Amino acid sequence: MPKKVREHLGIEPGNRVSFNIGSEDVTVEPETVDVRSLRGMLKARRRVSLQAMESAIRCGASGR
């Protein structure tokens, strides 16, 4: 897709787009993803408590 068209539509290189072909026109839209479809995509290695996270943040902030 030409740079001028991407700039006009606010589309950056690498963005996914959807072409919708009508009887007399074609529309181009950025593809969107329902965030619920991403559930389970990342697997946690282990569960960490909020207390452990806060402790890690404090240690990191203090340089220990």
PDB file of N, CA and C in Angstrom:
ATOM      1  N   MET A   1       0.862  -1.161   0.000  1.00  0.00           N
ATOM      2  CA  MET A   1       0.000   0.000   0.000  1.00  0.00           C
ATOM      3  C   MET A   1       0.913   1.230   0.000  1.00  0.00           C
ATOM      4  N   PRO A   2       0.651   2.176  -0.879  1.00  0.00           N
ATOM      5  CA  PRO A   2       1.498   3.366  -0.968  1.00  0.00           C
ATOM      6  C   PRO A   2       1.552   4.147   0.349  1.00  0.00           C
ATOM      7  N   LYS A   3       2.706   4.749   0.602  1.00  0.00           N
ATOM      8  CA  LYS A   3       2.932   5.494   1.837  1.00  0.00           C
ATOM      9  C   LYS A   3       1.902   6.592   2.038  1.00  0.00           C
ATOM     10  N   LYS A   4       1.565   7.339   0.994  1.00  0.00           N
ATOM     11  CA  LYS A   4       0.590   8.429   1.130  1.00  0.00           C
ATOM     12  C   LYS A   4      -0.767   7.906   1.595  1.00  0.00           C
ATOM     13  N   VAL A   5      -1.169   6.754   1.088  1.00  0.00           N
ATOM     14  CA  VAL A   5      -2.452   6.168   1.481  1.00  0.00           C
ATOM     15  C   VAL A   5      -2.387   5.723   2.944  1.00  0.00           C
ATOM     16  N   ARG A   6      -1.285   5.051   3.336  1.00  0.00           N
ATOM     17  CA  ARG A   6      -1.112   4.623   4.739  1.00  0.00           C
ATOM     18  C   ARG A   6      -1.158   5.820   5.681  1.00  0.00           C
ATOM     19  N   GLU A   7      -0.454   6.891   5.312  1.00  0.00           N
ATOM     20  CA  GLU A   7      -0.429   8.085   6.165  1.00  0.00           C
ATOM     21  C   GLU A   7      -1.828   8.681   6.295  1.00  0.00           C
ATOM     22  N   HIS A   8      -2.551   8.768   5.192  1.00  0.00           N
ATOM     23  CA  HIS A   8      -3.899   9.335   5.210  1.00  0.00           C
ATOM     24  C   HIS A   8      -4.825   8.514   6.106  1.00  0.00           C
ATOM     25  N   LEU A   9      -4.675   7.191   6.090  1.00  0.00           N
ATOM     26  CA  LEU A   9      -5.538   6.309   6.873  1.00  0.00           C
ATOM     27  C   LEU A   9      -5.006   6.058   8.285  1.00  0.00           C
ATOM     28  N   GLY A  10      -3.785   6.527   8.563  1.00  0.00           N
ATOM     29  CA  GLY A  10      -3.197   6.292   9.880  1.00  0.00           C
ATOM     30  C   GLY A  10      -2.725   4.862  10.065  1.00  0.00           C
ATOM     31  N   ILE A  11      -2.364   4.227   8.977  1.00  0.00           N
ATOM     32  CA  ILE A  11      -1.890   2.841   9.011  1.00  0.00           C
ATOM     33  C   ILE A  11      -0.376   2.853   8.891  1.00  0.00           C
ATOM     34  N   GLU A  12       0.280   2.091   9.749  1.00  0.00           N
ATOM     35  CA  GLU A  12       1.738   2.018   9.733  1.00  0.00           C
ATOM     36  C   GLU A  12       2.182   0.717   9.073  1.00  0.00           C
ATOM     37  N   PRO A  13       3.406   0.698   8.524  1.00  0.00           N
ATOM     38  CA  PRO A  13       3.896  -0.538   7.924  1.00  0.00           C
ATOM     39  C   PRO A  13       3.815  -1.685   8.933  1.00  0.00           C
ATOM     40  N   GLY A  14       3.328  -2.812   8.487  1.00  0.00           N
ATOM     41  CA  GLY A  14       3.192  -3.966   9.370  1.00  0.00           C
ATOM     42  C   GLY A  14       1.815  -4.119   9.978  1.00  0.00           C
ATOM     43  N   ASN A  15       1.001  -3.040   9.972  1.00  0.00           N
ATOM     44  CA  ASN A  15      -0.375  -3.152  10.477  1.00  0.00           C
ATOM     45  C   ASN A  15      -1.175  -4.046   9.551  1.00  0.00           C
ATOM     46  N   ARG A  16      -2.101  -4.788  10.137  1.00  0.00           N
ATOM     47  CA  ARG A  16      -2.994  -5.610   9.330  1.00  0.00           C
ATOM     48  C   ARG A  16      -4.212  -4.776   8.957  1.00  0.00           C
ATOM     49  N   VAL A  17      -4.661  -4.959   7.726  1.00  0.00           N
ATOM     50  CA  VAL A  17      -5.834  -4.234   7.266  1.00  0.00           C
ATOM     51  C   VAL A  17      -6.835  -5.212   6.664  1.00  0.00           C
ATOM     52  N   SER A  18      -8.067  -4.761   6.614  1.00  0.00           N
ATOM     53  CA  SER A  18      -9.145  -5.550   6.027  1.00  0.00           C
ATOM     54  C   SER A  18      -9.687  -4.795   4.829  1.00  0.00           C
ATOM     55  N   PHE A  19      -9.786  -5.477   3.684  1.00  0.00           N
ATOM     56  CA  PHE A  19     -10.366  -4.896   2.480  1.00  0.00           C
ATOM     57  C   PHE A  19     -11.797  -5.397   2.371  1.00  0.00           C
ATOM     58  N   ASN A  20     -12.741  -4.478   2.355  1.00  0.00           N
ATOM     59  CA  ASN A  20     -14.149  -4.832   2.225  1.00  0.00           C
ATOM     60  C   ASN A  20     -14.626  -4.388   0.848  1.00  0.00           C
ATOM     61  N   ILE A  21     -14.963  -5.359   0.018  1.00  0.00           N
ATOM     62  CA  ILE A  21     -15.348  -5.081  -1.367  1.00  0.00           C
ATOM     63  C   ILE A  21     -16.867  -5.020  -1.469  1.00  0.00           C
ATOM     64  N   GLY A  22     -17.367  -3.844  -1.835  1.00  0.00           N
ATOM     65  CA  GLY A  22     -18.804  -3.651  -2.039  1.00  0.00           C
ATOM     66  C   GLY A  22     -19.128  -3.725  -3.517  1.00  0.00           C
ATOM     67  N   SER A  23     -20.369  -3.494  -3.855  1.00  0.00           N
ATOM     68  CA  SER A  23     -20.772  -3.562  -5.262  1.00  0.00           C
ATOM     69  C   SER A  23     -20.186  -2.408  -6.074  1.00  0.00           C
ATOM     70  N   GLU A  24     -19.948  -1.263  -5.410  1.00  0.00           N
ATOM     71  CA  GLU A  24     -19.432  -0.108  -6.140  1.00  0.00           C
ATOM     72  C   GLU A  24     -18.201   0.523  -5.506  1.00  0.00           C
ATOM     73  N   ASP A  25     -17.743  -0.037  -4.373  1.00  0.00           N
ATOM     74  CA  ASP A  25     -16.591   0.574  -3.710  1.00  0.00           C
ATOM     75  C   ASP A  25     -15.800  -0.459  -2.920  1.00  0.00           C
ATOM     76  N   VAL A  26     -14.620  -0.041  -2.501  1.00  0.00           N
ATOM     77  CA  VAL A  26     -13.763  -0.867  -1.652  1.00  0.00           C
ATOM     78  C   VAL A  26     -13.362  -0.007  -0.465  1.00  0.00           C
ATOM     79  N   THR A  27     -13.513  -0.541   0.741  1.00  0.00           N
ATOM     80  CA  THR A  27     -13.062   0.176   1.928  1.00  0.00           C
ATOM     81  C   THR A  27     -11.906  -0.587   2.558  1.00  0.00           C
ATOM     82  N   VAL A  28     -10.987   0.167   3.148  1.00  0.00           N
ATOM     83  CA  VAL A  28      -9.834  -0.411   3.823  1.00  0.00           C
ATOM     84  C   VAL A  28      -9.903   0.034   5.267  1.00  0.00           C
ATOM     85  N   GLU A  29      -9.832  -0.929   6.195  1.00  0.00           N
ATOM     86  CA  GLU A  29      -9.902  -0.622   7.624  1.00  0.00           C
ATOM     87  C   GLU A  29      -8.815  -1.391   8.361  1.00  0.00           C
ATOM     88  N   PRO A  30      -8.273  -0.796   9.426  1.00  0.00           N
ATOM     89  CA  PRO A  30      -7.342  -1.566  10.249  1.00  0.00           C
ATOM     90  C   PRO A  30      -8.084  -2.754  10.867  1.00  0.00           C
ATOM     91  N   GLU A  31      -7.433  -3.916  10.896  1.00  0.00           N
ATOM     92  CA  GLU A  31      -8.052  -5.080  11.535  1.00  0.00           C
ATOM     93  C   GLU A  31      -7.967  -4.910  13.038  1.00  0.00           C
ATOM     94  N   THR A  32      -9.020  -5.281  13.709  1.00  0.00           N
ATOM     95  CA  THR A  32      -9.013  -5.234  15.167  1.00  0.00           C
ATOM     96  C   THR A  32      -9.187  -6.646  15.694  1.00  0.00           C
ATOM     97  N   VAL A  33      -8.728  -6.840  16.917  1.00  0.00           N
ATOM     98  CA  VAL A  33      -8.802  -8.139  17.555  1.00  0.00           C
ATOM     99  C   VAL A  33      -9.566  -7.978  18.861  1.00  0.00           C
ATOM    100  N   ASP A  34     -10.502  -8.863  19.106  1.00  0.00           N
ATOM    101  CA  ASP A  34     -11.208  -8.871  20.379  1.00  0.00           C
ATOM    102  C   ASP A  34     -10.224  -9.363  21.441  1.00  0.00           C
ATOM    103  N   VAL A  35      -9.973  -8.530  22.431  1.00  0.00           N
ATOM    104  CA  VAL A  35      -8.973  -8.850  23.446  1.00  0.00           C
ATOM    105  C   VAL A  35      -9.262 -10.184  24.138  1.00  0.00           C
ATOM    106  N   ARG A  36     -10.521 -10.570  24.205  1.00  0.00           N
ATOM    107  CA  ARG A  36     -10.867 -11.854  24.832  1.00  0.00           C
ATOM    108  C   ARG A  36     -10.283 -13.033  24.058  1.00  0.00           C
ATOM    109  N   SER A  37     -10.031 -12.854  22.770  1.00  0.00           N
ATOM    110  CA  SER A  37      -9.466 -13.947  21.984  1.00  0.00           C
ATOM    111  C   SER A  37      -7.997 -14.196  22.318  1.00  0.00           C
ATOM    112  N   LEU A  38      -7.371 -13.264  23.031  1.00  0.00           N
ATOM    113  CA  LEU A  38      -5.966 -13.398  23.401  1.00  0.00           C
ATOM    114  C   LEU A  38      -5.770 -14.161  24.708  1.00  0.00           C
ATOM    115  N   ARG A  39      -6.864 -14.457  25.401  1.00  0.00           N
ATOM    116  CA  ARG A  39      -6.781 -15.137  26.692  1.00  0.00           C
ATOM    117  C   ARG A  39      -6.057 -16.467  26.539  1.00  0.00           C
ATOM    118  N   GLY A  40      -5.100 -16.690  27.428  1.00  0.00           N
ATOM    119  CA  GLY A  40      -4.355 -17.935  27.422  1.00  0.00           C
ATOM    120  C   GLY A  40      -3.182 -17.942  26.463  1.00  0.00           C
ATOM    121  N   MET A  41      -2.966 -16.847  25.755  1.00  0.00           N
ATOM    122  CA  MET A  41      -1.880 -16.799  24.785  1.00  0.00           C
ATOM    123  C   MET A  41      -0.518 -16.880  25.483  1.00  0.00           C
ATOM    124  N   LEU A  42      -0.400 -16.205  26.612  1.00  0.00           N
ATOM    125  CA  LEU A  42       0.835 -16.222  27.380  1.00  0.00           C
ATOM    126  C   LEU A  42       0.666 -17.150  28.570  1.00  0.00           C
ATOM    127  N   LYS A  43       1.642 -17.989  28.779  1.00  0.00           N
ATOM    128  CA  LYS A  43       1.585 -18.923  29.892  1.00  0.00           C
ATOM    129  C   LYS A  43       2.503 -18.429  31.005  1.00  0.00           C
ATOM    130  N   ALA A  44       1.966 -18.335  32.199  1.00  0.00           N
ATOM    131  CA  ALA A  44       2.769 -17.933  33.359  1.00  0.00           C
ATOM    132  C   ALA A  44       3.591 -19.131  33.814  1.00  0.00           C
ATOM    133  N   ARG A  45       4.820 -18.880  34.148  1.00  0.00           N
ATOM    134  CA  ARG A  45       5.673 -19.970  34.637  1.00  0.00           C
ATOM    135  C   ARG A  45       5.251 -20.379  36.042  1.00  0.00           C
ATOM    136  N   ARG A  46       4.930 -19.382  36.842  1.00  0.00           N
ATOM    137  CA  ARG A  46       4.464 -19.655  38.199  1.00  0.00           C
ATOM    138  C   ARG A  46       3.670 -18.459  38.679  1.00  0.00           C
ATOM    139  N   ARG A  47       2.811 -18.711  39.624  1.00  0.00           N
ATOM    140  CA  ARG A  47       2.013 -17.616  40.180  1.00  0.00           C
ATOM    141  C   ARG A  47       2.862 -16.843  41.183  1.00  0.00           C
ATOM    142  N   VAL A  48       2.669 -15.530  41.193  1.00  0.00           N
ATOM    143  CA  VAL A  48       3.415 -14.669  42.110  1.00  0.00           C
ATOM    144  C   VAL A  48       2.403 -13.803  42.842  1.00  0.00           C
ATOM    145  N   SER A  49       2.564 -13.709  44.141  1.00  0.00           N
ATOM    146  CA  SER A  49       1.636 -12.901  44.936  1.00  0.00           C
ATOM    147  C   SER A  49       1.938 -11.417  44.749  1.00  0.00           C
ATOM    148  N   LEU A  50       0.962 -10.598  45.041  1.00  0.00           N
ATOM    149  CA  LEU A  50       1.140  -9.154  44.971  1.00  0.00           C
ATOM    150  C   LEU A  50       2.243  -8.717  45.930  1.00  0.00           C
ATOM    151  N   GLN A  51       2.280  -9.345  47.094  1.00  0.00           N
ATOM    152  CA  GLN A  51       3.303  -9.028  48.090  1.00  0.00           C
ATOM    153  C   GLN A  51       4.710  -9.312  47.542  1.00  0.00           C
ATOM    154  N   ALA A  52       4.876 -10.434  46.848  1.00  0.00           N
ATOM    155  CA  ALA A  52       6.181 -10.775  46.264  1.00  0.00           C
ATOM    156  C   ALA A  52       6.555  -9.792  45.164  1.00  0.00           C
ATOM    157  N   MET A  53       5.564  -9.367  44.357  1.00  0.00           N
ATOM    158  CA  MET A  53       5.844  -8.382  43.306  1.00  0.00           C
ATOM    159  C   MET A  53       6.289  -7.057  43.908  1.00  0.00           C
ATOM    160  N   GLU A  54       5.587  -6.607  44.943  1.00  0.00           N
ATOM    161  CA  GLU A  54       5.948  -5.339  45.585  1.00  0.00           C
ATOM    162  C   GLU A  54       7.341  -5.414  46.195  1.00  0.00           C
ATOM    163  N   SER A  55       7.672  -6.544  46.775  1.00  0.00           N
ATOM    164  CA  SER A  55       8.998  -6.733  47.364  1.00  0.00           C
ATOM    165  C   SER A  55      10.074  -6.673  46.278  1.00  0.00           C
ATOM    166  N   ALA A  56       9.834  -7.320  45.154  1.00  0.00           N
ATOM    167  CA  ALA A  56      10.781  -7.300  44.043  1.00  0.00           C
ATOM    168  C   ALA A  56      10.975  -5.893  43.512  1.00  0.00           C
ATOM    169  N   ILE A  57       9.881  -5.128  43.453  1.00  0.00           N
ATOM    170  CA  ILE A  57       9.962  -3.745  42.976  1.00  0.00           C
ATOM    171  C   ILE A  57      10.797  -2.912  43.940  1.00  0.00           C
ATOM    172  N   ARG A  58      10.538  -3.091  45.248  1.00  0.00           N
ATOM    173  CA  ARG A  58      11.331  -2.337  46.241  1.00  0.00           C
ATOM    174  C   ARG A  58      12.797  -2.675  46.138  1.00  0.00           C
ATOM    175  N   CYS A  59      13.127  -3.963  45.996  1.00  0.00           N
ATOM    176  CA  CYS A  59      14.534  -4.373  45.883  1.00  0.00           C
ATOM    177  C   CYS A  59      15.178  -3.794  44.635  1.00  0.00           C
ATOM    178  N   GLY A  60      14.445  -3.790  43.536  1.00  0.00           N
ATOM    179  CA  GLY A  60      14.963  -3.235  42.287  1.00  0.00           C
ATOM    180  C   GLY A  60      15.166  -1.736  42.379  1.00  0.00           C
ATOM    181  N   ALA A  61      14.255  -1.047  43.028  1.00  0.00           N
ATOM    182  CA  ALA A  61      14.340   0.398  43.165  1.00  0.00           C
ATOM    183  C   ALA A  61      15.480   0.804  44.075  1.00  0.00           C
ATOM    184  N   SER A  62      15.784  -0.040  45.064  1.00  0.00           N
ATOM    185  CA  SER A  62      16.853   0.310  46.002  1.00  0.00           C
ATOM    186  C   SER A  62      18.220  -0.140  45.496  1.00  0.00           C
ATOM    187  N   GLY A  63      18.236  -0.895  44.391  1.00  0.00           N
ATOM    188  CA  GLY A  63      19.513  -1.326  43.816  1.00  0.00           C
ATOM    189  C   GLY A  63      20.107  -2.543  44.488  1.00  0.00           C
ATOM    190  N   ARG A  64      19.331  -3.240  45.319  1.00  0.00           N
ATOM    191  CA  ARG A  64      19.861  -4.425  46.005  1.00  0.00           C
ATOM    192  C   ARG A  64      19.916  -5.610  45.092  1.00  0.00           C
TER     193      ARG A  64
END
